[in-house]
Amino acid sequence: MINNRVGGENTIKYPFHMDKIIIKDNVVI
């Protein structure tokens, strides 16, 4: 959405955004 807004359909100024998830010991989800 950001890339389309700032530069058009094929612009790749802002890359795919990802990050890690950390779950420490002795956890219930």
mmCIF file of all heavy atoms, coordinates in Angstrom:
data_MODEL
# 
_entry.id   MODEL 
# 
loop_
_atom_site.group_PDB 
_atom_site.id 
_atom_site.type_symbol 
_atom_site.label_atom_id 
_atom_site.label_alt_id 
_atom_site.label_comp_id 
_atom_site.label_asym_id 
_atom_site.label_entity_id 
_atom_site.label_seq_id 
_atom_site.pdbx_PDB_ins_code 
_atom_site.Cartn_x 
_atom_site.Cartn_y 
_atom_site.Cartn_z 
_atom_site.occupancy 
_atom_site.B_iso_or_equiv 
_atom_site.pdbx_formal_charge 
_atom_site.auth_seq_id 
_atom_site.auth_comp_id 
_atom_site.auth_asym_id 
_atom_site.auth_atom_id 
_atom_site.pdbx_PDB_model_num 
ATOM 1   N N   . MET A 1 1  ? 0.832  -1.203  0.000   1.00 0.00 ? 1  MET A N   1 
ATOM 2   C CA  . MET A 1 1  ? 0.000  0.000   0.000   1.00 0.00 ? 1  MET A CA  1 
ATOM 3   C C   . MET A 1 1  ? 0.869  1.257   0.000   1.00 0.00 ? 1  MET A C   1 
ATOM 4   O O   . MET A 1 1  ? 0.626  2.190   -0.752  1.00 0.00 ? 1  MET A O   1 
ATOM 5   C CB  . MET A 1 1  ? -0.936 -0.003  1.218   1.00 0.00 ? 1  MET A CB  1 
ATOM 6   C CG  . MET A 1 1  ? -1.891 1.180   1.297   1.00 0.00 ? 1  MET A CG  1 
ATOM 7   S SD  . MET A 1 1  ? -1.245 2.675   2.096   1.00 0.00 ? 1  MET A SD  1 
ATOM 8   C CE  . MET A 1 1  ? -0.851 2.096   3.713   1.00 0.00 ? 1  MET A CE  1 
ATOM 9   N N   . ILE A 1 2  ? 1.921  1.260   0.820   1.00 0.00 ? 2  ILE A N   1 
ATOM 10  C CA  . ILE A 1 2  ? 2.799  2.435   0.893   1.00 0.00 ? 2  ILE A CA  1 
ATOM 11  C C   . ILE A 1 2  ? 3.497  2.660   -0.447  1.00 0.00 ? 2  ILE A C   1 
ATOM 12  O O   . ILE A 1 2  ? 3.557  3.790   -0.942  1.00 0.00 ? 2  ILE A O   1 
ATOM 13  C CB  . ILE A 1 2  ? 3.830  2.281   2.035   1.00 0.00 ? 2  ILE A CB  1 
ATOM 14  C CG1 . ILE A 1 2  ? 3.117  2.273   3.392   1.00 0.00 ? 2  ILE A CG1 1 
ATOM 15  C CG2 . ILE A 1 2  ? 4.867  3.395   1.986   1.00 0.00 ? 2  ILE A CG2 1 
ATOM 16  C CD1 . ILE A 1 2  ? 4.010  1.890   4.561   1.00 0.00 ? 2  ILE A CD1 1 
ATOM 17  N N   . ASN A 1 3  ? 4.015  1.595   -1.037  1.00 0.00 ? 3  ASN A N   1 
ATOM 18  C CA  . ASN A 1 3  ? 4.706  1.722   -2.321  1.00 0.00 ? 3  ASN A CA  1 
ATOM 19  C C   . ASN A 1 3  ? 3.773  2.253   -3.402  1.00 0.00 ? 3  ASN A C   1 
ATOM 20  O O   . ASN A 1 3  ? 4.167  3.089   -4.211  1.00 0.00 ? 3  ASN A O   1 
ATOM 21  C CB  . ASN A 1 3  ? 5.325  0.390   -2.743  1.00 0.00 ? 3  ASN A CB  1 
ATOM 22  C CG  . ASN A 1 3  ? 6.545  0.057   -1.915  1.00 0.00 ? 3  ASN A CG  1 
ATOM 23  O OD1 . ASN A 1 3  ? 7.234  0.945   -1.422  1.00 0.00 ? 3  ASN A OD1 1 
ATOM 24  N ND2 . ASN A 1 3  ? 6.808  -1.217  -1.750  1.00 0.00 ? 3  ASN A ND2 1 
ATOM 25  N N   . ASN A 1 4  ? 2.540  1.779   -3.444  1.00 0.00 ? 4  ASN A N   1 
ATOM 26  C CA  . ASN A 1 4  ? 1.570  2.287   -4.423  1.00 0.00 ? 4  ASN A CA  1 
ATOM 27  C C   . ASN A 1 4  ? 1.298  3.764   -4.195  1.00 0.00 ? 4  ASN A C   1 
ATOM 28  O O   . ASN A 1 4  ? 1.163  4.538   -5.138  1.00 0.00 ? 4  ASN A O   1 
ATOM 29  C CB  . ASN A 1 4  ? 0.257  1.514   -4.354  1.00 0.00 ? 4  ASN A CB  1 
ATOM 30  C CG  . ASN A 1 4  ? 0.286  0.258   -5.174  1.00 0.00 ? 4  ASN A CG  1 
ATOM 31  O OD1 . ASN A 1 4  ? 1.027  0.157   -6.142  1.00 0.00 ? 4  ASN A OD1 1 
ATOM 32  N ND2 . ASN A 1 4  ? -0.518 -0.698  -4.782  1.00 0.00 ? 4  ASN A ND2 1 
ATOM 33  N N   . ARG A 1 5  ? 1.224  4.168   -2.937  1.00 0.00 ? 5  ARG A N   1 
ATOM 34  C CA  . ARG A 1 5  ? 0.909  5.561   -2.618  1.00 0.00 ? 5  ARG A CA  1 
ATOM 35  C C   . ARG A 1 5  ? 2.040  6.500   -3.002  1.00 0.00 ? 5  ARG A C   1 
ATOM 36  O O   . ARG A 1 5  ? 1.812  7.595   -3.485  1.00 0.00 ? 5  ARG A O   1 
ATOM 37  C CB  . ARG A 1 5  ? 0.623  5.674   -1.122  1.00 0.00 ? 5  ARG A CB  1 
ATOM 38  C CG  . ARG A 1 5  ? 0.246  7.065   -0.705  1.00 0.00 ? 5  ARG A CG  1 
ATOM 39  C CD  . ARG A 1 5  ? -0.295 7.065   0.705   1.00 0.00 ? 5  ARG A CD  1 
ATOM 40  N NE  . ARG A 1 5  ? -0.728 8.416   1.003   1.00 0.00 ? 5  ARG A NE  1 
ATOM 41  C CZ  . ARG A 1 5  ? -0.206 9.162   1.963   1.00 0.00 ? 5  ARG A CZ  1 
ATOM 42  N NH1 . ARG A 1 5  ? 0.728  8.696   2.737   1.00 0.00 ? 5  ARG A NH1 1 
ATOM 43  N NH2 . ARG A 1 5  ? -0.648 10.383  2.170   1.00 0.00 ? 5  ARG A NH2 1 
ATOM 44  N N   . VAL A 1 6  ? 3.294  6.080   -2.769  1.00 0.00 ? 6  VAL A N   1 
ATOM 45  C CA  . VAL A 1 6  ? 4.415  6.994   -2.984  1.00 0.00 ? 6  VAL A CA  1 
ATOM 46  C C   . VAL A 1 6  ? 5.013  6.966   -4.382  1.00 0.00 ? 6  VAL A C   1 
ATOM 47  O O   . VAL A 1 6  ? 5.726  7.879   -4.751  1.00 0.00 ? 6  VAL A O   1 
ATOM 48  C CB  . VAL A 1 6  ? 5.554  6.780   -1.951  1.00 0.00 ? 6  VAL A CB  1 
ATOM 49  C CG1 . VAL A 1 6  ? 5.071  7.021   -0.548  1.00 0.00 ? 6  VAL A CG1 1 
ATOM 50  C CG2 . VAL A 1 6  ? 6.173  5.405   -2.096  1.00 0.00 ? 6  VAL A CG2 1 
ATOM 51  N N   . GLY A 1 7  ? 4.743  5.913   -5.145  1.00 0.00 ? 7  GLY A N   1 
ATOM 52  C CA  . GLY A 1 7  ? 5.439  5.886   -6.426  1.00 0.00 ? 7  GLY A CA  1 
ATOM 53  C C   . GLY A 1 7  ? 4.757  5.121   -7.531  1.00 0.00 ? 7  GLY A C   1 
ATOM 54  O O   . GLY A 1 7  ? 5.314  4.976   -8.609  1.00 0.00 ? 7  GLY A O   1 
ATOM 55  N N   . GLY A 1 8  ? 3.600  4.625   -7.285  1.00 0.00 ? 8  GLY A N   1 
ATOM 56  C CA  . GLY A 1 8  ? 2.931  3.867   -8.331  1.00 0.00 ? 8  GLY A CA  1 
ATOM 57  C C   . GLY A 1 8  ? 3.055  2.375   -8.119  1.00 0.00 ? 8  GLY A C   1 
ATOM 58  O O   . GLY A 1 8  ? 3.792  1.896   -7.269  1.00 0.00 ? 8  GLY A O   1 
ATOM 59  N N   . GLU A 1 9  ? 2.347  1.668   -8.931  1.00 0.00 ? 9  GLU A N   1 
ATOM 60  C CA  . GLU A 1 9  ? 2.140  0.232   -8.774  1.00 0.00 ? 9  GLU A CA  1 
ATOM 61  C C   . GLU A 1 9  ? 3.424  -0.599  -8.713  1.00 0.00 ? 9  GLU A C   1 
ATOM 62  O O   . GLU A 1 9  ? 3.520  -1.539  -7.953  1.00 0.00 ? 9  GLU A O   1 
ATOM 63  C CB  . GLU A 1 9  ? 1.269  -0.251  -9.936  1.00 0.00 ? 9  GLU A CB  1 
ATOM 64  C CG  . GLU A 1 9  ? 0.756  -1.642  -9.758  1.00 0.00 ? 9  GLU A CG  1 
ATOM 65  C CD  . GLU A 1 9  ? -0.235 -1.996  -10.833 1.00 0.00 ? 9  GLU A CD  1 
ATOM 66  O OE1 . GLU A 1 9  ? -1.001 -1.102  -11.264 1.00 0.00 ? 9  GLU A OE1 1 
ATOM 67  O OE2 . GLU A 1 9  ? -0.238 -3.144  -11.240 1.00 0.00 ? 9  GLU A OE2 1 
ATOM 68  N N   . ASN A 1 10 ? 4.425  -0.302  -9.495  1.00 0.00 ? 10 ASN A N   1 
ATOM 69  C CA  . ASN A 1 10 ? 5.621  -1.141  -9.558  1.00 0.00 ? 10 ASN A CA  1 
ATOM 70  C C   . ASN A 1 10 ? 6.798  -0.602  -8.752  1.00 0.00 ? 10 ASN A C   1 
ATOM 71  O O   . ASN A 1 10 ? 7.913  -1.093  -8.885  1.00 0.00 ? 10 ASN A O   1 
ATOM 72  C CB  . ASN A 1 10 ? 6.041  -1.346  -11.015 1.00 0.00 ? 10 ASN A CB  1 
ATOM 73  C CG  . ASN A 1 10 ? 4.991  -2.129  -11.768 1.00 0.00 ? 10 ASN A CG  1 
ATOM 74  O OD1 . ASN A 1 10 ? 4.451  -3.081  -11.232 1.00 0.00 ? 10 ASN A OD1 1 
ATOM 75  N ND2 . ASN A 1 10 ? 4.690  -1.710  -12.984 1.00 0.00 ? 10 ASN A ND2 1 
ATOM 76  N N   . THR A 1 11 ? 6.586  0.398   -7.924  1.00 0.00 ? 11 THR A N   1 
ATOM 77  C CA  . THR A 1 11 ? 7.653  0.976   -7.122  1.00 0.00 ? 11 THR A CA  1 
ATOM 78  C C   . THR A 1 11 ? 7.935  0.076   -5.926  1.00 0.00 ? 11 THR A C   1 
ATOM 79  O O   . THR A 1 11 ? 7.022  -0.394  -5.260  1.00 0.00 ? 11 THR A O   1 
ATOM 80  C CB  . THR A 1 11 ? 7.250  2.372   -6.612  1.00 0.00 ? 11 THR A CB  1 
ATOM 81  O OG1 . THR A 1 11 ? 6.964  3.183   -7.739  1.00 0.00 ? 11 THR A OG1 1 
ATOM 82  C CG2 . THR A 1 11 ? 8.352  2.986   -5.780  1.00 0.00 ? 11 THR A CG2 1 
ATOM 83  N N   . ILE A 1 12 ? 9.216  -0.159  -5.648  1.00 0.00 ? 12 ILE A N   1 
ATOM 84  C CA  . ILE A 1 12 ? 9.584  -0.953  -4.476  1.00 0.00 ? 12 ILE A CA  1 
ATOM 85  C C   . ILE A 1 12 ? 10.555 -0.123  -3.644  1.00 0.00 ? 12 ILE A C   1 
ATOM 86  O O   . ILE A 1 12 ? 11.733 -0.423  -3.531  1.00 0.00 ? 12 ILE A O   1 
ATOM 87  C CB  . ILE A 1 12 ? 10.195 -2.304  -4.868  1.00 0.00 ? 12 ILE A CB  1 
ATOM 88  C CG1 . ILE A 1 12 ? 9.226  -3.075  -5.740  1.00 0.00 ? 12 ILE A CG1 1 
ATOM 89  C CG2 . ILE A 1 12 ? 10.547 -3.116  -3.620  1.00 0.00 ? 12 ILE A CG2 1 
ATOM 90  C CD1 . ILE A 1 12 ? 9.736  -4.404  -6.219  1.00 0.00 ? 12 ILE A CD1 1 
ATOM 91  N N   . LYS A 1 13 ? 10.041 0.943   -3.092  1.00 0.00 ? 13 LYS A N   1 
ATOM 92  C CA  . LYS A 1 13 ? 10.856 1.802   -2.243  1.00 0.00 ? 13 LYS A CA  1 
ATOM 93  C C   . LYS A 1 13 ? 10.901 1.258   -0.815  1.00 0.00 ? 13 LYS A C   1 
ATOM 94  O O   . LYS A 1 13 ? 11.926 1.301   -0.159  1.00 0.00 ? 13 LYS A O   1 
ATOM 95  C CB  . LYS A 1 13 ? 10.285 3.221   -2.263  1.00 0.00 ? 13 LYS A CB  1 
ATOM 96  C CG  . LYS A 1 13 ? 11.110 4.213   -1.475  1.00 0.00 ? 13 LYS A CG  1 
ATOM 97  C CD  . LYS A 1 13 ? 10.580 5.620   -1.626  1.00 0.00 ? 13 LYS A CD  1 
ATOM 98  C CE  . LYS A 1 13 ? 11.450 6.587   -0.851  1.00 0.00 ? 13 LYS A CE  1 
ATOM 99  N NZ  . LYS A 1 13 ? 11.014 7.954   -0.976  1.00 0.00 ? 13 LYS A NZ  1 
ATOM 100 N N   . TYR A 1 14 ? 9.768  0.747   -0.346  1.00 0.00 ? 14 TYR A N   1 
ATOM 101 C CA  . TYR A 1 14 ? 9.665  0.203   1.003   1.00 0.00 ? 14 TYR A CA  1 
ATOM 102 C C   . TYR A 1 14 ? 9.546  -1.315  0.905   1.00 0.00 ? 14 TYR A C   1 
ATOM 103 O O   . TYR A 1 14 ? 8.590  -1.828  0.336   1.00 0.00 ? 14 TYR A O   1 
ATOM 104 C CB  . TYR A 1 14 ? 8.457  0.802   1.740   1.00 0.00 ? 14 TYR A CB  1 
ATOM 105 C CG  . TYR A 1 14 ? 8.594  2.284   1.919   1.00 0.00 ? 14 TYR A CG  1 
ATOM 106 C CD1 . TYR A 1 14 ? 8.021  3.163   1.005   1.00 0.00 ? 14 TYR A CD1 1 
ATOM 107 C CD2 . TYR A 1 14 ? 9.316  2.796   2.976   1.00 0.00 ? 14 TYR A CD2 1 
ATOM 108 C CE1 . TYR A 1 14 ? 8.166  4.537   1.155   1.00 0.00 ? 14 TYR A CE1 1 
ATOM 109 C CE2 . TYR A 1 14 ? 9.470  4.170   3.130   1.00 0.00 ? 14 TYR A CE2 1 
ATOM 110 C CZ  . TYR A 1 14 ? 8.891  5.028   2.211   1.00 0.00 ? 14 TYR A CZ  1 
ATOM 111 O OH  . TYR A 1 14 ? 9.039  6.369   2.367   1.00 0.00 ? 14 TYR A OH  1 
ATOM 112 N N   . PRO A 1 15 ? 10.514 -2.049  1.458   1.00 0.00 ? 15 PRO A N   1 
ATOM 113 C CA  . PRO A 1 15 ? 10.512 -3.511  1.323   1.00 0.00 ? 15 PRO A CA  1 
ATOM 114 C C   . PRO A 1 15 ? 9.500  -4.188  2.251   1.00 0.00 ? 15 PRO A C   1 
ATOM 115 O O   . PRO A 1 15 ? 8.938  -3.572  3.154   1.00 0.00 ? 15 PRO A O   1 
ATOM 116 C CB  . PRO A 1 15 ? 11.941 -3.889  1.704   1.00 0.00 ? 15 PRO A CB  1 
ATOM 117 C CG  . PRO A 1 15 ? 12.376 -2.813  2.641   1.00 0.00 ? 15 PRO A CG  1 
ATOM 118 C CD  . PRO A 1 15 ? 11.681 -1.556  2.161   1.00 0.00 ? 15 PRO A CD  1 
ATOM 119 N N   . PHE A 1 16 ? 9.316  -5.438  1.989   1.00 0.00 ? 16 PHE A N   1 
ATOM 120 C CA  . PHE A 1 16 ? 8.516  -6.339  2.813   1.00 0.00 ? 16 PHE A CA  1 
ATOM 121 C C   . PHE A 1 16 ? 8.970  -6.191  4.257   1.00 0.00 ? 16 PHE A C   1 
ATOM 122 O O   . PHE A 1 16 ? 10.165 -6.247  4.543   1.00 0.00 ? 16 PHE A O   1 
ATOM 123 C CB  . PHE A 1 16 ? 8.796  -7.745  2.269   1.00 0.00 ? 16 PHE A CB  1 
ATOM 124 C CG  . PHE A 1 16 ? 7.982  -8.842  2.841   1.00 0.00 ? 16 PHE A CG  1 
ATOM 125 C CD1 . PHE A 1 16 ? 6.639  -8.933  2.560   1.00 0.00 ? 16 PHE A CD1 1 
ATOM 126 C CD2 . PHE A 1 16 ? 8.571  -9.828  3.621   1.00 0.00 ? 16 PHE A CD2 1 
ATOM 127 C CE1 . PHE A 1 16 ? 5.891  -9.975  3.046   1.00 0.00 ? 16 PHE A CE1 1 
ATOM 128 C CE2 . PHE A 1 16 ? 7.829  -10.875 4.121   1.00 0.00 ? 16 PHE A CE2 1 
ATOM 129 C CZ  . PHE A 1 16 ? 6.485  -10.946 3.825   1.00 0.00 ? 16 PHE A CZ  1 
ATOM 130 N N   . HIS A 1 17 ? 8.047  -5.979  5.193   1.00 0.00 ? 17 HIS A N   1 
ATOM 131 C CA  . HIS A 1 17 ? 8.397  -5.745  6.591   1.00 0.00 ? 17 HIS A CA  1 
ATOM 132 C C   . HIS A 1 17 ? 8.206  -7.024  7.395   1.00 0.00 ? 17 HIS A C   1 
ATOM 133 O O   . HIS A 1 17 ? 7.133  -7.618  7.376   1.00 0.00 ? 17 HIS A O   1 
ATOM 134 C CB  . HIS A 1 17 ? 7.526  -4.625  7.172   1.00 0.00 ? 17 HIS A CB  1 
ATOM 135 C CG  . HIS A 1 17 ? 7.902  -4.264  8.569   1.00 0.00 ? 17 HIS A CG  1 
ATOM 136 N ND1 . HIS A 1 17 ? 8.959  -3.430  8.859   1.00 0.00 ? 17 HIS A ND1 1 
ATOM 137 C CD2 . HIS A 1 17 ? 7.392  -4.647  9.750   1.00 0.00 ? 17 HIS A CD2 1 
ATOM 138 C CE1 . HIS A 1 17 ? 9.073  -3.299  10.172  1.00 0.00 ? 17 HIS A CE1 1 
ATOM 139 N NE2 . HIS A 1 17 ? 8.128  -4.026  10.726  1.00 0.00 ? 17 HIS A NE2 1 
ATOM 140 N N   . MET A 1 18 ? 9.258  -7.451  8.083   1.00 0.00 ? 18 MET A N   1 
ATOM 141 C CA  . MET A 1 18 ? 9.169  -8.634  8.941   1.00 0.00 ? 18 MET A CA  1 
ATOM 142 C C   . MET A 1 18 ? 10.007 -8.430  10.183  1.00 0.00 ? 18 MET A C   1 
ATOM 143 O O   . MET A 1 18 ? 10.857 -7.540  10.230  1.00 0.00 ? 18 MET A O   1 
ATOM 144 C CB  . MET A 1 18 ? 9.611  -9.881  8.183   1.00 0.00 ? 18 MET A CB  1 
ATOM 145 C CG  . MET A 1 18 ? 11.044 -9.870  7.702   1.00 0.00 ? 18 MET A CG  1 
ATOM 146 S SD  . MET A 1 18 ? 11.490 -11.410 6.895   1.00 0.00 ? 18 MET A SD  1 
ATOM 147 C CE  . MET A 1 18 ? 11.306 -10.937 5.195   1.00 0.00 ? 18 MET A CE  1 
ATOM 148 N N   . ASP A 1 19 ? 9.743  -9.266  11.194  1.00 0.00 ? 19 ASP A N   1 
ATOM 149 C CA  . ASP A 1 19 ? 10.513 -9.212  12.431  1.00 0.00 ? 19 ASP A CA  1 
ATOM 150 C C   . ASP A 1 19 ? 10.381 -10.559 13.128  1.00 0.00 ? 19 ASP A C   1 
ATOM 151 O O   . ASP A 1 19 ? 9.528  -11.377 12.774  1.00 0.00 ? 19 ASP A O   1 
ATOM 152 C CB  . ASP A 1 19 ? 10.001 -8.077  13.322  1.00 0.00 ? 19 ASP A CB  1 
ATOM 153 C CG  . ASP A 1 19 ? 11.045 -7.579  14.330  1.00 0.00 ? 19 ASP A CG  1 
ATOM 154 O OD1 . ASP A 1 19 ? 12.070 -8.274  14.546  1.00 0.00 ? 19 ASP A OD1 1 
ATOM 155 O OD2 . ASP A 1 19 ? 10.825 -6.499  14.916  1.00 0.00 ? 19 ASP A OD2 1 
ATOM 156 N N   . LYS A 1 20 ? 11.185 -10.762 14.156  1.00 0.00 ? 20 LYS A N   1 
ATOM 157 C CA  . LYS A 1 20 ? 11.199 -12.032 14.875  1.00 0.00 ? 20 LYS A CA  1 
ATOM 158 C C   . LYS A 1 20 ? 10.165 -12.061 15.999  1.00 0.00 ? 20 LYS A C   1 
ATOM 159 O O   . LYS A 1 20 ? 9.671  -11.019 16.447  1.00 0.00 ? 20 LYS A O   1 
ATOM 160 C CB  . LYS A 1 20 ? 12.588 -12.297 15.433  1.00 0.00 ? 20 LYS A CB  1 
ATOM 161 C CG  . LYS A 1 20 ? 13.035 -11.273 16.465  1.00 0.00 ? 20 LYS A CG  1 
ATOM 162 C CD  . LYS A 1 20 ? 14.477 -11.476 16.832  1.00 0.00 ? 20 LYS A CD  1 
ATOM 163 C CE  . LYS A 1 20 ? 14.903 -10.383 17.816  1.00 0.00 ? 20 LYS A CE  1 
ATOM 164 N NZ  . LYS A 1 20 ? 16.306 -10.401 18.105  1.00 0.00 ? 20 LYS A NZ  1 
ATOM 165 N N   . ILE A 1 21 ? 9.878  -13.278 16.438  1.00 0.00 ? 21 ILE A N   1 
ATOM 166 C CA  . ILE A 1 21 ? 9.024  -13.542 17.600  1.00 0.00 ? 21 ILE A CA  1 
ATOM 167 C C   . ILE A 1 21 ? 9.843  -14.421 18.532  1.00 0.00 ? 21 ILE A C   1 
ATOM 168 O O   . ILE A 1 21 ? 10.389 -15.445 18.098  1.00 0.00 ? 21 ILE A O   1 
ATOM 169 C CB  . ILE A 1 21 ? 7.721  -14.259 17.198  1.00 0.00 ? 21 ILE A CB  1 
ATOM 170 C CG1 . ILE A 1 21 ? 6.870  -13.359 16.300  1.00 0.00 ? 21 ILE A CG1 1 
ATOM 171 C CG2 . ILE A 1 21 ? 6.950  -14.695 18.453  1.00 0.00 ? 21 ILE A CG2 1 
ATOM 172 C CD1 . ILE A 1 21 ? 5.669  -14.058 15.681  1.00 0.00 ? 21 ILE A CD1 1 
ATOM 173 N N   . ILE A 1 22 ? 9.922  -14.029 19.799  1.00 0.00 ? 22 ILE A N   1 
ATOM 174 C CA  . ILE A 1 22 ? 10.680 -14.806 20.784  1.00 0.00 ? 22 ILE A CA  1 
ATOM 175 C C   . ILE A 1 22 ? 9.725  -15.241 21.896  1.00 0.00 ? 22 ILE A C   1 
ATOM 176 O O   . ILE A 1 22 ? 9.053  -14.410 22.503  1.00 0.00 ? 22 ILE A O   1 
ATOM 177 C CB  . ILE A 1 22 ? 11.831 -13.986 21.391  1.00 0.00 ? 22 ILE A CB  1 
ATOM 178 C CG1 . ILE A 1 22 ? 12.797 -13.546 20.294  1.00 0.00 ? 22 ILE A CG1 1 
ATOM 179 C CG2 . ILE A 1 22 ? 12.552 -14.785 22.482  1.00 0.00 ? 22 ILE A CG2 1 
ATOM 180 C CD1 . ILE A 1 22 ? 13.846 -12.554 20.748  1.00 0.00 ? 22 ILE A CD1 1 
ATOM 181 N N   . ILE A 1 23 ? 9.704  -16.547 22.149  1.00 0.00 ? 23 ILE A N   1 
ATOM 182 C CA  . ILE A 1 23 ? 8.932  -17.097 23.260  1.00 0.00 ? 23 ILE A CA  1 
ATOM 183 C C   . ILE A 1 23 ? 9.937  -17.773 24.179  1.00 0.00 ? 23 ILE A C   1 
ATOM 184 O O   . ILE A 1 23 ? 10.616 -18.717 23.778  1.00 0.00 ? 23 ILE A O   1 
ATOM 185 C CB  . ILE A 1 23 ? 7.877  -18.103 22.768  1.00 0.00 ? 23 ILE A CB  1 
ATOM 186 C CG1 . ILE A 1 23 ? 6.947  -17.405 21.777  1.00 0.00 ? 23 ILE A CG1 1 
ATOM 187 C CG2 . ILE A 1 23 ? 7.112  -18.683 23.947  1.00 0.00 ? 23 ILE A CG2 1 
ATOM 188 C CD1 . ILE A 1 23 ? 6.056  -18.346 21.025  1.00 0.00 ? 23 ILE A CD1 1 
ATOM 189 N N   . LYS A 1 24 ? 10.039 -17.278 25.384  1.00 0.00 ? 24 LYS A N   1 
ATOM 190 C CA  . LYS A 1 24 ? 11.034 -17.804 26.324  1.00 0.00 ? 24 LYS A CA  1 
ATOM 191 C C   . LYS A 1 24 ? 10.493 -19.047 27.033  1.00 0.00 ? 24 LYS A C   1 
ATOM 192 O O   . LYS A 1 24 ? 9.448  -19.567 26.689  1.00 0.00 ? 24 LYS A O   1 
ATOM 193 C CB  . LYS A 1 24 ? 11.454 -16.704 27.274  1.00 0.00 ? 24 LYS A CB  1 
ATOM 194 C CG  . LYS A 1 24 ? 12.119 -15.552 26.499  1.00 0.00 ? 24 LYS A CG  1 
ATOM 195 C CD  . LYS A 1 24 ? 13.119 -14.819 27.292  1.00 0.00 ? 24 LYS A CD  1 
ATOM 196 C CE  . LYS A 1 24 ? 13.789 -13.766 26.425  1.00 0.00 ? 24 LYS A CE  1 
ATOM 197 N NZ  . LYS A 1 24 ? 14.455 -12.767 27.226  1.00 0.00 ? 24 LYS A NZ  1 
ATOM 198 N N   . ASP A 1 25 ? 11.208 -19.539 28.045  1.00 0.00 ? 25 ASP A N   1 
ATOM 199 C CA  . ASP A 1 25 ? 10.898 -20.812 28.698  1.00 0.00 ? 25 ASP A CA  1 
ATOM 200 C C   . ASP A 1 25 ? 9.624  -20.774 29.543  1.00 0.00 ? 25 ASP A C   1 
ATOM 201 O O   . ASP A 1 25 ? 9.265  -19.746 30.115  1.00 0.00 ? 25 ASP A O   1 
ATOM 202 C CB  . ASP A 1 25 ? 12.054 -21.214 29.621  1.00 0.00 ? 25 ASP A CB  1 
ATOM 203 C CG  . ASP A 1 25 ? 13.349 -21.470 28.876  1.00 0.00 ? 25 ASP A CG  1 
ATOM 204 O OD1 . ASP A 1 25 ? 13.317 -21.691 27.645  1.00 0.00 ? 25 ASP A OD1 1 
ATOM 205 O OD2 . ASP A 1 25 ? 14.406 -21.451 29.535  1.00 0.00 ? 25 ASP A OD2 1 
ATOM 206 N N   . ASN A 1 26 ? 8.987  -21.970 29.618  1.00 0.00 ? 26 ASN A N   1 
ATOM 207 C CA  . ASN A 1 26 ? 7.873  -22.210 30.537  1.00 0.00 ? 26 ASN A CA  1 
ATOM 208 C C   . ASN A 1 26 ? 6.711  -21.254 30.282  1.00 0.00 ? 26 ASN A C   1 
ATOM 209 O O   . ASN A 1 26 ? 6.258  -20.533 31.169  1.00 0.00 ? 26 ASN A O   1 
ATOM 210 C CB  . ASN A 1 26 ? 8.359  -22.106 31.986  1.00 0.00 ? 26 ASN A CB  1 
ATOM 211 C CG  . ASN A 1 26 ? 7.447  -22.866 32.934  1.00 0.00 ? 26 ASN A CG  1 
ATOM 212 O OD1 . ASN A 1 26 ? 6.932  -23.922 32.588  1.00 0.00 ? 26 ASN A OD1 1 
ATOM 213 N ND2 . ASN A 1 26 ? 7.224  -22.315 34.110  1.00 0.00 ? 26 ASN A ND2 1 
ATOM 214 N N   . VAL A 1 27 ? 6.212  -21.288 29.063  1.00 0.00 ? 27 VAL A N   1 
ATOM 215 C CA  . VAL A 1 27 ? 5.119  -20.412 28.632  1.00 0.00 ? 27 VAL A CA  1 
ATOM 216 C C   . VAL A 1 27 ? 3.958  -21.269 28.139  1.00 0.00 ? 27 VAL A C   1 
ATOM 217 O O   . VAL A 1 27 ? 4.170  -22.329 27.548  1.00 0.00 ? 27 VAL A O   1 
ATOM 218 C CB  . VAL A 1 27 ? 5.611  -19.473 27.499  1.00 0.00 ? 27 VAL A CB  1 
ATOM 219 C CG1 . VAL A 1 27 ? 4.458  -18.730 26.846  1.00 0.00 ? 27 VAL A CG1 1 
ATOM 220 C CG2 . VAL A 1 27 ? 6.637  -18.483 28.040  1.00 0.00 ? 27 VAL A CG2 1 
ATOM 221 N N   . VAL A 1 28 ? 2.744  -20.813 28.381  1.00 0.00 ? 28 VAL A N   1 
ATOM 222 C CA  . VAL A 1 28 ? 1.542  -21.441 27.834  1.00 0.00 ? 28 VAL A CA  1 
ATOM 223 C C   . VAL A 1 28 ? 0.857  -20.424 26.924  1.00 0.00 ? 28 VAL A C   1 
ATOM 224 O O   . VAL A 1 28 ? 0.621  -19.279 27.329  1.00 0.00 ? 28 VAL A O   1 
ATOM 225 C CB  . VAL A 1 28 ? 0.561  -21.882 28.945  1.00 0.00 ? 28 VAL A CB  1 
ATOM 226 C CG1 . VAL A 1 28 ? -0.738 -22.386 28.358  1.00 0.00 ? 28 VAL A CG1 1 
ATOM 227 C CG2 . VAL A 1 28 ? 1.201  -22.937 29.834  1.00 0.00 ? 28 VAL A CG2 1 
ATOM 228 N N   . ILE A 1 29 ? 0.545  -20.857 25.702  1.00 0.00 ? 29 ILE A N   1 
ATOM 229 C CA  . ILE A 1 29 ? -0.161 -20.002 24.745  1.00 0.00 ? 29 ILE A CA  1 
ATOM 230 C C   . ILE A 1 29 ? -1.481 -20.688 24.410  1.00 0.00 ? 29 ILE A C   1 
ATOM 231 O O   . ILE A 1 29 ? -1.501 -21.788 23.854  1.00 0.00 ? 29 ILE A O   1 
ATOM 232 C CB  . ILE A 1 29 ? 0.677  -19.768 23.481  1.00 0.00 ? 29 ILE A CB  1 
ATOM 233 C CG1 . ILE A 1 29 ? 2.014  -19.115 23.857  1.00 0.00 ? 29 ILE A CG1 1 
ATOM 234 C CG2 . ILE A 1 29 ? -0.088 -18.901 22.493  1.00 0.00 ? 29 ILE A CG2 1 
ATOM 235 C CD1 . ILE A 1 29 ? 2.993  -19.013 22.723  1.00 0.00 ? 29 ILE A CD1 1 
# 
